[in-house]
Amino acid sequence: MANFHKCVICTEDLKNNLCTTRCGHLAHMDCALQWITQSRTCPTCRQPVDGNHLIRIYADSEVNAVRAPCIGGDITTQNSHVALWIKNGEAVFGRAYSKNGYVEAWFPWGSKEWYSNKCGQFSILTNPNGRANYQWVTPKQANSSEMRKVCAGEYCPAIVSNIAQIKGGTLLGKACPNKGTAWTCYGGKELYHNNCQYNNQTTLLVERKS
């Protein structure tokens, strides 16, 4: 699995045991926990951070990749898994498809659809041994105190329904819950969706707190 860069704390490659802060910066989970016990800030940008602001990213294998229950479109959209790409410092969630050990992905960014061969390094969100209780819920449900949105920066994975480009099917992409907007991509184009917090056409990925 490709890594994004080196951990800013220990300077070793980011290959597994990853986490992201709410401000969207990556580090090893163990390094970040040790860091915030001393400074309670993001090690990259120094914004205030505590343990509840660290989102674990299971990217060490393709086993138990987090799947998005999408319908319509083609085999790649119907068998989508959550992918994460960092573009110009911004977290971009998209959809990935694996066949015979080869992984390809599509990301919505900059008014177009980016295919994985143009993206360089990206990662797949996985859940080895089922350690995280991931669920797809409506934006209203995601605001429950029992849920923690799986966010990198201000974005989180989202499934948007009633996509005209695939005859009313659903696509996996990204959402900005605070603004109620979402982005998916298909056919080479980025698709923009608004008012997502006010309807049930969008579901967000959350982790139920233990």
Protein backbone atom coordinates (compact mmCIF):
# COMPACT_ATOMS: atom_id res chain seq x y z
CA MET A 1 0.00 0.00 0.00
CA ALA A 2 1.35 3.38 -0.95
CA ASN A 3 2.10 5.81 1.87
CA PHE A 4 1.50 9.54 1.79
CA HIS A 5 4.78 10.82 3.28
CA LYS A 6 6.78 10.53 6.48
CA CYS A 7 5.42 10.95 9.98
CA VAL A 8 6.23 14.47 11.15
CA ILE A 9 6.93 13.17 14.66
CA CYS A 10 9.16 10.11 14.16
CA THR A 11 10.10 10.85 10.49
CA GLU A 12 9.48 7.21 9.48
CA ASP A 13 7.29 6.24 6.51
CA LEU A 14 3.52 6.35 7.00
CA LYS A 15 2.58 2.80 5.99
CA ASN A 16 0.31 1.60 8.79
CA ASN A 17 -0.98 2.47 12.29
CA LEU A 18 -2.16 5.79 10.86
CA CYS A 19 -4.40 8.52 12.17
CA THR A 20 -5.54 11.91 10.99
CA THR A 21 -6.29 14.98 13.07
CA ARG A 22 -9.46 16.98 12.55
CA CYS A 23 -7.31 19.54 10.75
CA GLY A 24 -6.40 16.84 8.23
CA HIS A 25 -2.78 16.05 9.11
CA LEU A 26 -1.45 12.49 9.17
CA ALA A 27 0.81 10.77 11.69
CA HIS A 28 1.33 7.41 13.33
CA MET A 29 -1.38 6.88 15.94
CA ASP A 30 1.13 5.95 18.69
CA CYS A 31 3.27 8.99 17.87
CA ALA A 32 0.28 11.32 17.87
CA LEU A 33 -1.06 10.04 21.20
CA GLN A 34 2.32 10.55 22.83
CA TRP A 35 2.65 13.99 21.25
CA ILE A 36 -0.72 15.33 22.41
CA THR A 37 -0.19 14.19 25.99
CA GLN A 38 2.64 16.70 26.08
CA SER A 39 1.47 19.56 23.88
CA ARG A 40 -2.26 18.99 23.06
CA THR A 41 -1.67 20.48 19.61
CA CYS A 42 -1.42 19.15 16.07
CA PRO A 43 2.25 18.30 15.41
CA THR A 44 2.01 19.85 11.95
CA CYS A 45 -0.03 23.06 12.26
CA ARG A 46 -0.24 23.45 16.08
CA GLN A 47 -4.02 23.74 16.16
CA PRO A 48 -5.53 22.50 19.46
CA VAL A 49 -5.99 18.71 19.44
CA ASP A 50 -6.88 16.07 22.01
CA GLY A 51 -7.35 12.30 21.87
CA ASN A 52 -10.98 12.62 20.75
CA HIS A 53 -9.82 14.52 17.64
CA LEU A 54 -7.70 11.65 16.31
CA ILE A 55 -9.34 9.43 13.70
CA ARG A 56 -7.65 6.09 13.14
CA ILE A 57 -7.08 5.11 9.51
CA TYR A 58 -6.63 1.40 8.88
CA ALA A 59 -4.54 1.45 5.73
CA ASP A 60 -2.13 -1.40 6.31
CA SER A 61 -3.79 -3.92 4.02
CA GLU A 62 -6.69 -4.45 1.64
CA VAL A 63 -8.20 -7.00 4.02
CA ASN A 64 -11.59 -5.86 5.32
CA ALA A 65 -11.58 -2.73 3.19
CA VAL A 66 -14.48 -0.48 4.20
CA ARG A 67 -17.18 -0.98 1.58
CA ALA A 68 -19.81 1.48 0.43
CA PRO A 69 -23.22 -0.12 -0.31
CA CYS A 70 -23.77 1.56 -3.69
CA ILE A 71 -26.27 0.61 -6.41
CA GLY A 72 -26.48 1.39 -10.11
CA GLY A 73 -23.69 2.42 -12.42
CA ASP A 74 -21.18 -0.31 -13.24
CA ILE A 75 -19.19 -2.99 -11.43
CA THR A 76 -16.65 -0.44 -10.19
CA THR A 77 -19.30 1.78 -8.58
CA GLN A 78 -21.30 -1.12 -7.14
CA ASN A 79 -18.20 -2.56 -5.47
CA SER A 80 -16.74 0.67 -4.09
CA HIS A 81 -14.40 0.94 -1.13
CA VAL A 82 -13.39 4.11 0.68
CA ALA A 83 -10.19 5.62 -0.71
CA LEU A 84 -8.24 8.65 0.53
CA TRP A 85 -5.97 10.86 -1.56
CA ILE A 86 -4.11 13.97 -0.40
CA LYS A 87 -4.18 16.70 -3.07
CA ASN A 88 -2.36 19.95 -2.33
CA GLY A 89 -2.71 19.28 1.39
CA GLU A 90 -6.46 18.61 1.13
CA ALA A 91 -8.03 15.27 2.05
CA VAL A 92 -10.04 13.89 -0.87
CA PHE A 93 -12.24 10.85 -0.31
CA GLY A 94 -13.20 8.83 -3.35
CA ARG A 95 -14.08 5.32 -4.46
CA ALA A 96 -11.74 2.40 -5.10
CA TYR A 97 -12.26 -0.91 -6.86
CA SER A 98 -10.08 -3.99 -6.49
CA LYS A 99 -9.82 -6.85 -8.98
CA ASN A 100 -7.25 -9.64 -8.93
CA GLY A 101 -5.02 -7.67 -6.60
CA TYR A 102 -5.03 -4.51 -8.74
CA VAL A 103 -6.61 -1.42 -7.18
CA GLU A 104 -7.90 1.53 -9.16
CA ALA A 105 -9.60 4.61 -7.75
CA TRP A 106 -11.52 7.73 -8.73
CA PHE A 107 -11.54 11.03 -6.82
CA PRO A 108 -13.66 14.21 -7.15
CA TRP A 109 -11.46 17.29 -7.09
CA GLY A 110 -11.05 20.53 -9.02
CA SER A 111 -14.18 20.16 -11.18
CA LYS A 112 -13.11 16.82 -12.65
CA GLU A 113 -12.73 13.14 -11.92
CA TRP A 114 -9.18 12.06 -11.14
CA TYR A 115 -8.22 8.49 -11.99
CA SER A 116 -5.67 6.74 -9.80
CA ASN A 117 -2.95 6.63 -12.47
CA LYS A 118 -2.88 10.45 -12.27
CA CYS A 119 -2.99 10.63 -8.48
CA GLY A 120 0.21 8.96 -7.38
CA GLN A 121 -0.08 7.76 -3.80
CA PHE A 122 -3.44 7.04 -2.18
CA SER A 123 -4.73 4.70 0.51
CA ILE A 124 -7.68 2.42 1.22
CA LEU A 125 -9.59 2.61 4.49
CA THR A 126 -9.63 -0.86 6.04
CA ASN A 127 -10.84 -2.39 9.26
CA PRO A 128 -8.58 -5.32 10.21
CA ASN A 129 -10.21 -7.75 12.66
CA GLY A 130 -13.31 -5.56 12.73
CA ARG A 131 -11.80 -3.34 15.42
CA ALA A 132 -13.81 -0.28 14.39
CA ASN A 133 -17.60 -0.19 14.33
CA TYR A 134 -18.11 1.70 11.06
CA GLN A 135 -21.62 2.55 9.90
CA TRP A 136 -23.25 4.57 7.11
CA VAL A 137 -25.86 6.93 8.57
CA THR A 138 -27.80 10.05 7.63
CA PRO A 139 -26.29 13.48 8.43
CA LYS A 140 -28.79 13.89 11.27
CA GLN A 141 -27.83 10.53 12.79
CA ALA A 142 -24.14 11.39 12.38
CA ASN A 143 -24.57 14.28 14.83
CA SER A 144 -25.54 11.89 17.62
CA SER A 145 -23.26 11.87 20.66
CA GLU A 146 -22.82 8.13 20.09
CA MET A 147 -21.23 8.68 16.69
CA ARG A 148 -17.87 10.04 15.55
CA LYS A 149 -17.61 11.17 11.95
CA VAL A 150 -14.70 9.65 10.08
CA CYS A 151 -13.17 12.93 8.93
CA ALA A 152 -9.88 14.11 7.53
CA GLY A 153 -9.84 17.85 7.82
CA GLU A 154 -13.38 19.05 7.12
CA TYR A 155 -14.24 16.17 4.78
CA CYS A 156 -15.60 12.67 5.34
CA PRO A 157 -16.64 9.77 3.08
CA ALA A 158 -20.21 10.05 1.79
CA ILE A 159 -22.65 8.09 -0.35
CA VAL A 160 -24.95 10.26 -2.47
CA SER A 161 -28.11 8.82 -4.02
CA ASN A 162 -30.30 9.73 -6.99
CA ILE A 163 -27.34 10.40 -9.29
CA ALA A 164 -28.77 11.24 -12.71
CA GLN A 165 -25.57 10.20 -14.51
CA ILE A 166 -26.09 6.58 -13.40
CA LYS A 167 -29.90 6.50 -13.71
CA GLY A 168 -30.71 7.34 -10.11
CA GLY A 169 -28.06 5.12 -8.54
CA THR A 170 -25.63 5.95 -5.73
CA LEU A 171 -21.98 7.00 -5.75
CA LEU A 172 -19.27 7.11 -3.12
CA GLY A 173 -17.46 10.43 -2.73
CA LYS A 174 -16.77 13.06 -0.10
CA ALA A 175 -18.85 15.48 1.97
CA CYS A 176 -18.29 18.55 4.08
CA PRO A 177 -20.81 17.97 6.90
CA ASN A 178 -20.51 21.50 8.32
CA LYS A 179 -21.56 23.02 4.98
CA GLY A 180 -24.00 20.31 3.91
CA THR A 181 -22.28 19.81 0.58
CA ALA A 182 -20.92 16.71 -1.15
CA TRP A 183 -18.94 15.77 -4.25
CA THR A 184 -18.87 12.59 -6.29
CA CYS A 185 -17.45 11.86 -9.73
CA TYR A 186 -18.33 9.82 -12.79
CA GLY A 187 -17.57 9.84 -16.50
CA GLY A 188 -14.61 12.16 -16.08
CA LYS A 189 -16.58 14.86 -14.25
CA GLU A 190 -16.85 16.03 -10.67
CA LEU A 191 -20.50 16.15 -9.50
CA TYR A 192 -21.56 18.72 -6.89
CA HIS A 193 -24.45 18.14 -4.45
CA ASN A 194 -25.81 20.71 -1.98
CA ASN A 195 -28.37 20.76 0.87
CA CYS A 196 -27.08 17.35 1.93
CA GLN A 197 -27.75 17.90 5.64
CA TYR A 198 -31.45 18.51 4.98
CA ASN A 199 -32.37 15.31 3.13
CA ASN A 200 -31.89 11.58 3.30
CA GLN A 201 -30.15 11.32 -0.07
CA THR A 202 -26.72 11.35 1.56
CA THR A 203 -25.19 9.02 4.13
CA LEU A 204 -21.92 9.66 6.00
CA LEU A 205 -19.37 7.22 7.34
CA VAL A 206 -19.17 7.26 11.13
CA GLU A 207 -17.59 5.16 13.85
CA ARG A 208 -19.86 4.27 16.73
CA LYS A 209 -18.15 5.14 19.98
CA SER A 210 -17.49 2.21 22.30
